[in-house]
Amino acid sequence: MADFHEEMDRLQGHMPGWAGRHLNRLRHPRAVWVRVPAGIALTGGGVFSVLPVLGLWMVPVGLALLAQDVPPMRKPMARVLRFTNGKIDGMKARKAANKAKAGKAYDAMKAHNEAKKAREQRAAPTAKP
């Protein structure tokens, strides 16, 4: 069973570079004075997800930040993060498979068009002056 910190590392790997760097900075032990208020603010802001800019995405991020400093929250958050990371991995795999499938379809269409063009050129009578 993966622990909380391993799942946070996996989640951080899925994020864009700038977001991962900020999360890494917040995960350091010295950042507790920023992490706890940020976690509370994100969790509280997620409650108001009907407002513009604020969203439901803020709740799990805030809870994950709080779990860094509240040990009883780590095990349930590790399960949530494992589920989330699994979904992200699945979406990436499907996207890669669809991209490969689209590439094969494009290659097949291109070969078909080239063969059709070659047949038309062979069938067309050559004009002599």
C-alpha atoms as a PDB file:
ATOM      1  CA  MET A   1       0.000   0.000   0.000  1.00  0.00           C
ATOM      2  CA  ALA A   2       1.483   3.314  -1.074  1.00  0.00           C
ATOM      3  CA  ASP A   3       1.754   5.982   1.553  1.00  0.00           C
ATOM      4  CA  PHE A   4       0.610   9.581   1.437  1.00  0.00           C
ATOM      5  CA  HIS A   5       3.968  11.061   0.475  1.00  0.00           C
ATOM      6  CA  GLU A   6       4.454   8.638  -2.446  1.00  0.00           C
ATOM      7  CA  GLU A   7       0.996   9.501  -3.792  1.00  0.00           C
ATOM      8  CA  MET A   8       1.694  13.226  -3.422  1.00  0.00           C
ATOM      9  CA  ASP A   9       4.913  12.712  -5.412  1.00  0.00           C
ATOM     10  CA  ARG A  10       2.923  10.929  -8.150  1.00  0.00           C
ATOM     11  CA  LEU A  11       0.340  13.727  -8.214  1.00  0.00           C
ATOM     12  CA  GLN A  12       3.101  16.307  -8.395  1.00  0.00           C
ATOM     13  CA  GLY A  13       4.526  14.448 -11.400  1.00  0.00           C
ATOM     14  CA  HIS A  14       1.198  14.853 -13.229  1.00  0.00           C
ATOM     15  CA  MET A  15       1.134  18.621 -12.712  1.00  0.00           C
ATOM     16  CA  PRO A  16       2.590  21.271 -14.994  1.00  0.00           C
ATOM     17  CA  GLY A  17       6.126  22.274 -13.990  1.00  0.00           C
ATOM     18  CA  TRP A  18       5.228  25.564 -12.331  1.00  0.00           C
ATOM     19  CA  ALA A  19       2.448  24.008 -10.233  1.00  0.00           C
ATOM     20  CA  GLY A  20       4.664  21.112  -9.179  1.00  0.00           C
ATOM     21  CA  ARG A  21       7.401  23.518  -8.060  1.00  0.00           C
ATOM     22  CA  HIS A  22       4.938  25.510  -5.936  1.00  0.00           C
ATOM     23  CA  LEU A  23       3.503  22.361  -4.396  1.00  0.00           C
ATOM     24  CA  ASN A  24       7.008  21.091  -3.673  1.00  0.00           C
ATOM     25  CA  ARG A  25       7.800  24.370  -1.917  1.00  0.00           C
ATOM     26  CA  LEU A  26       4.621  24.064   0.179  1.00  0.00           C
ATOM     27  CA  ARG A  27       5.448  20.476   1.159  1.00  0.00           C
ATOM     28  CA  HIS A  28       8.709  21.400   2.914  1.00  0.00           C
ATOM     29  CA  PRO A  29       8.512  21.244   6.724  1.00  0.00           C
ATOM     30  CA  ARG A  30       9.511  24.913   7.058  1.00  0.00           C
ATOM     31  CA  ALA A  31       6.456  26.004   5.035  1.00  0.00           C
ATOM     32  CA  VAL A  32       3.957  24.964   7.713  1.00  0.00           C
ATOM     33  CA  TRP A  33       3.118  28.628   8.367  1.00  0.00           C
ATOM     34  CA  VAL A  34       1.996  28.963   4.728  1.00  0.00           C
ATOM     35  CA  ARG A  35       0.698  25.431   4.145  1.00  0.00           C
ATOM     36  CA  VAL A  36      -1.892  25.329   6.931  1.00  0.00           C
ATOM     37  CA  PRO A  37      -3.571  28.677   6.105  1.00  0.00           C
ATOM     38  CA  ALA A  38      -3.454  27.800   2.386  1.00  0.00           C
ATOM     39  CA  GLY A  39      -5.065  24.422   3.098  1.00  0.00           C
ATOM     40  CA  ILE A  40      -7.796  26.000   5.182  1.00  0.00           C
ATOM     41  CA  ALA A  41      -8.397  28.720   2.587  1.00  0.00           C
ATOM     42  CA  LEU A  42      -8.551  26.244  -0.300  1.00  0.00           C
ATOM     43  CA  THR A  43     -10.893  23.903   1.566  1.00  0.00           C
ATOM     44  CA  GLY A  44     -13.124  26.799   2.638  1.00  0.00           C
ATOM     45  CA  GLY A  45     -13.061  28.340  -0.845  1.00  0.00           C
ATOM     46  CA  GLY A  46     -14.101  25.029  -2.366  1.00  0.00           C
ATOM     47  CA  VAL A  47     -17.352  25.258  -0.414  1.00  0.00           C
ATOM     48  CA  PHE A  48     -18.192  28.309  -2.519  1.00  0.00           C
ATOM     49  CA  SER A  49     -17.611  26.470  -5.799  1.00  0.00           C
ATOM     50  CA  VAL A  50     -20.670  28.094  -7.381  1.00  0.00           C
ATOM     51  CA  LEU A  51     -18.793  31.407  -7.548  1.00  0.00           C
ATOM     52  CA  PRO A  52     -16.478  32.263 -10.449  1.00  0.00           C
ATOM     53  CA  VAL A  53     -12.795  31.292 -10.005  1.00  0.00           C
ATOM     54  CA  LEU A  54     -13.540  29.212  -6.924  1.00  0.00           C
ATOM     55  CA  GLY A  55     -14.180  25.578  -7.660  1.00  0.00           C
ATOM     56  CA  LEU A  56     -14.673  22.136  -6.234  1.00  0.00           C
ATOM     57  CA  TRP A  57     -11.066  21.300  -7.180  1.00  0.00           C
ATOM     58  CA  MET A  58      -9.970  23.423  -4.230  1.00  0.00           C
ATOM     59  CA  VAL A  59     -11.327  21.017  -1.585  1.00  0.00           C
ATOM     60  CA  PRO A  60      -9.052  18.012  -2.261  1.00  0.00           C
ATOM     61  CA  VAL A  61      -6.016  20.251  -2.782  1.00  0.00           C
ATOM     62  CA  GLY A  62      -6.667  21.993   0.523  1.00  0.00           C
ATOM     63  CA  LEU A  63      -7.213  18.678   2.314  1.00  0.00           C
ATOM     64  CA  ALA A  64      -3.990  17.271   0.838  1.00  0.00           C
ATOM     65  CA  LEU A  65      -2.073  20.301   2.123  1.00  0.00           C
ATOM     66  CA  LEU A  66      -3.633  19.917   5.565  1.00  0.00           C
ATOM     67  CA  ALA A  67      -2.827  16.190   5.619  1.00  0.00           C
ATOM     68  CA  GLN A  68       0.870  17.081   5.533  1.00  0.00           C
ATOM     69  CA  ASP A  69       0.493  18.341   9.127  1.00  0.00           C
ATOM     70  CA  VAL A  70      -2.410  16.226  10.429  1.00  0.00           C
ATOM     71  CA  PRO A  71      -1.244  12.581  10.559  1.00  0.00           C
ATOM     72  CA  PRO A  72      -4.747  11.011  10.946  1.00  0.00           C
ATOM     73  CA  MET A  73      -5.721  12.563   7.584  1.00  0.00           C
ATOM     74  CA  ARG A  74      -2.821  10.970   5.682  1.00  0.00           C
ATOM     75  CA  LYS A  75      -4.224   7.459   5.238  1.00  0.00           C
ATOM     76  CA  PRO A  76      -7.630   8.559   3.835  1.00  0.00           C
ATOM     77  CA  MET A  77      -5.949  11.191   1.646  1.00  0.00           C
ATOM     78  CA  ALA A  78      -3.495   8.563   0.384  1.00  0.00           C
ATOM     79  CA  ARG A  79      -6.489   6.478  -0.774  1.00  0.00           C
ATOM     80  CA  VAL A  80      -8.068   9.526  -2.480  1.00  0.00           C
ATOM     81  CA  LEU A  81      -4.766  10.431  -4.135  1.00  0.00           C
ATOM     82  CA  ARG A  82      -4.206   6.813  -5.273  1.00  0.00           C
ATOM     83  CA  PHE A  83      -7.660   6.843  -6.883  1.00  0.00           C
ATOM     84  CA  THR A  84      -7.018  10.258  -8.481  1.00  0.00           C
ATOM     85  CA  ASN A  85      -3.563   9.276  -9.750  1.00  0.00           C
ATOM     86  CA  GLY A  86      -5.009   6.064 -11.196  1.00  0.00           C
ATOM     87  CA  LYS A  87      -7.660   8.043 -13.077  1.00  0.00           C
ATOM     88  CA  ILE A  88      -5.033  10.456 -14.412  1.00  0.00           C
ATOM     89  CA  ASP A  89      -2.814   7.547 -15.521  1.00  0.00           C
ATOM     90  CA  GLY A  90      -5.812   5.934 -17.250  1.00  0.00           C
ATOM     91  CA  MET A  91      -6.711   9.146 -19.073  1.00  0.00           C
ATOM     92  CA  LYS A  92      -3.123   9.576 -20.253  1.00  0.00           C
ATOM     93  CA  ALA A  93      -3.007   5.967 -21.478  1.00  0.00           C
ATOM     94  CA  ARG A  94      -6.298   6.364 -23.379  1.00  0.00           C
ATOM     95  CA  LYS A  95      -5.089   9.620 -24.907  1.00  0.00           C
ATOM     96  CA  ALA A  96      -1.843   7.983 -26.056  1.00  0.00           C
ATOM     97  CA  ALA A  97      -3.757   5.005 -27.500  1.00  0.00           C
ATOM     98  CA  ASN A  98      -6.159   7.307 -29.357  1.00  0.00           C
ATOM     99  CA  LYS A  99      -3.246   9.317 -30.691  1.00  0.00           C
ATOM    100  CA  ALA A 100      -1.529   6.148 -31.933  1.00  0.00           C
ATOM    101  CA  LYS A 101      -4.790   4.923 -33.450  1.00  0.00           C
ATOM    102  CA  ALA A 102      -5.300   8.262 -35.201  1.00  0.00           C
ATOM    103  CA  GLY A 103      -1.744   8.117 -36.558  1.00  0.00           C
ATOM    104  CA  LYS A 104      -2.341   4.626 -37.970  1.00  0.00           C
ATOM    105  CA  ALA A 105      -5.637   5.733 -39.521  1.00  0.00           C
ATOM    106  CA  TYR A 106      -3.908   8.719 -41.125  1.00  0.00           C
ATOM    107  CA  ASP A 107      -1.164   6.485 -42.543  1.00  0.00           C
ATOM    108  CA  ALA A 108      -3.754   4.056 -43.939  1.00  0.00           C
ATOM    109  CA  MET A 109      -5.751   6.896 -45.521  1.00  0.00           C
ATOM    110  CA  LYS A 110      -2.587   8.348 -47.042  1.00  0.00           C
ATOM    111  CA  ALA A 111      -1.579   4.968 -48.515  1.00  0.00           C
ATOM    112  CA  HIS A 112      -5.093   4.483 -49.902  1.00  0.00           C
ATOM    113  CA  ASN A 113      -5.058   7.907 -51.569  1.00  0.00           C
ATOM    114  CA  GLU A 114      -1.625   7.297 -53.071  1.00  0.00           C
ATOM    115  CA  ALA A 115      -2.728   3.917 -54.454  1.00  0.00           C
ATOM    116  CA  LYS A 116      -5.879   5.490 -55.889  1.00  0.00           C
ATOM    117  CA  LYS A 117      -3.839   8.229 -57.542  1.00  0.00           C
ATOM    118  CA  ALA A 118      -1.460   5.642 -59.056  1.00  0.00           C
ATOM    119  CA  ARG A 119      -4.409   3.603 -60.440  1.00  0.00           C
ATOM    120  CA  GLU A 120      -5.922   6.723 -61.993  1.00  0.00           C
ATOM    121  CA  GLN A 121      -2.632   7.629 -63.633  1.00  0.00           C
ATOM    122  CA  ARG A 122      -2.268   4.124 -65.128  1.00  0.00           C
ATOM    123  CA  ALA A 123      -5.859   4.108 -66.364  1.00  0.00           C
ATOM    124  CA  ALA A 124      -5.763   7.577 -67.921  1.00  0.00           C
ATOM    125  CA  PRO A 125      -4.879   7.494 -71.643  1.00  0.00           C
ATOM    126  CA  THR A 126      -1.837   9.463 -72.557  1.00  0.00           C
ATOM    127  CA  ALA A 127      -2.495  12.274 -74.956  1.00  0.00           C
ATOM    128  CA  LYS A 128      -0.287  12.291 -78.097  1.00  0.00           C
ATOM    129  CA  PRO A 129       0.119  15.426 -80.215  1.00  0.00           C
END
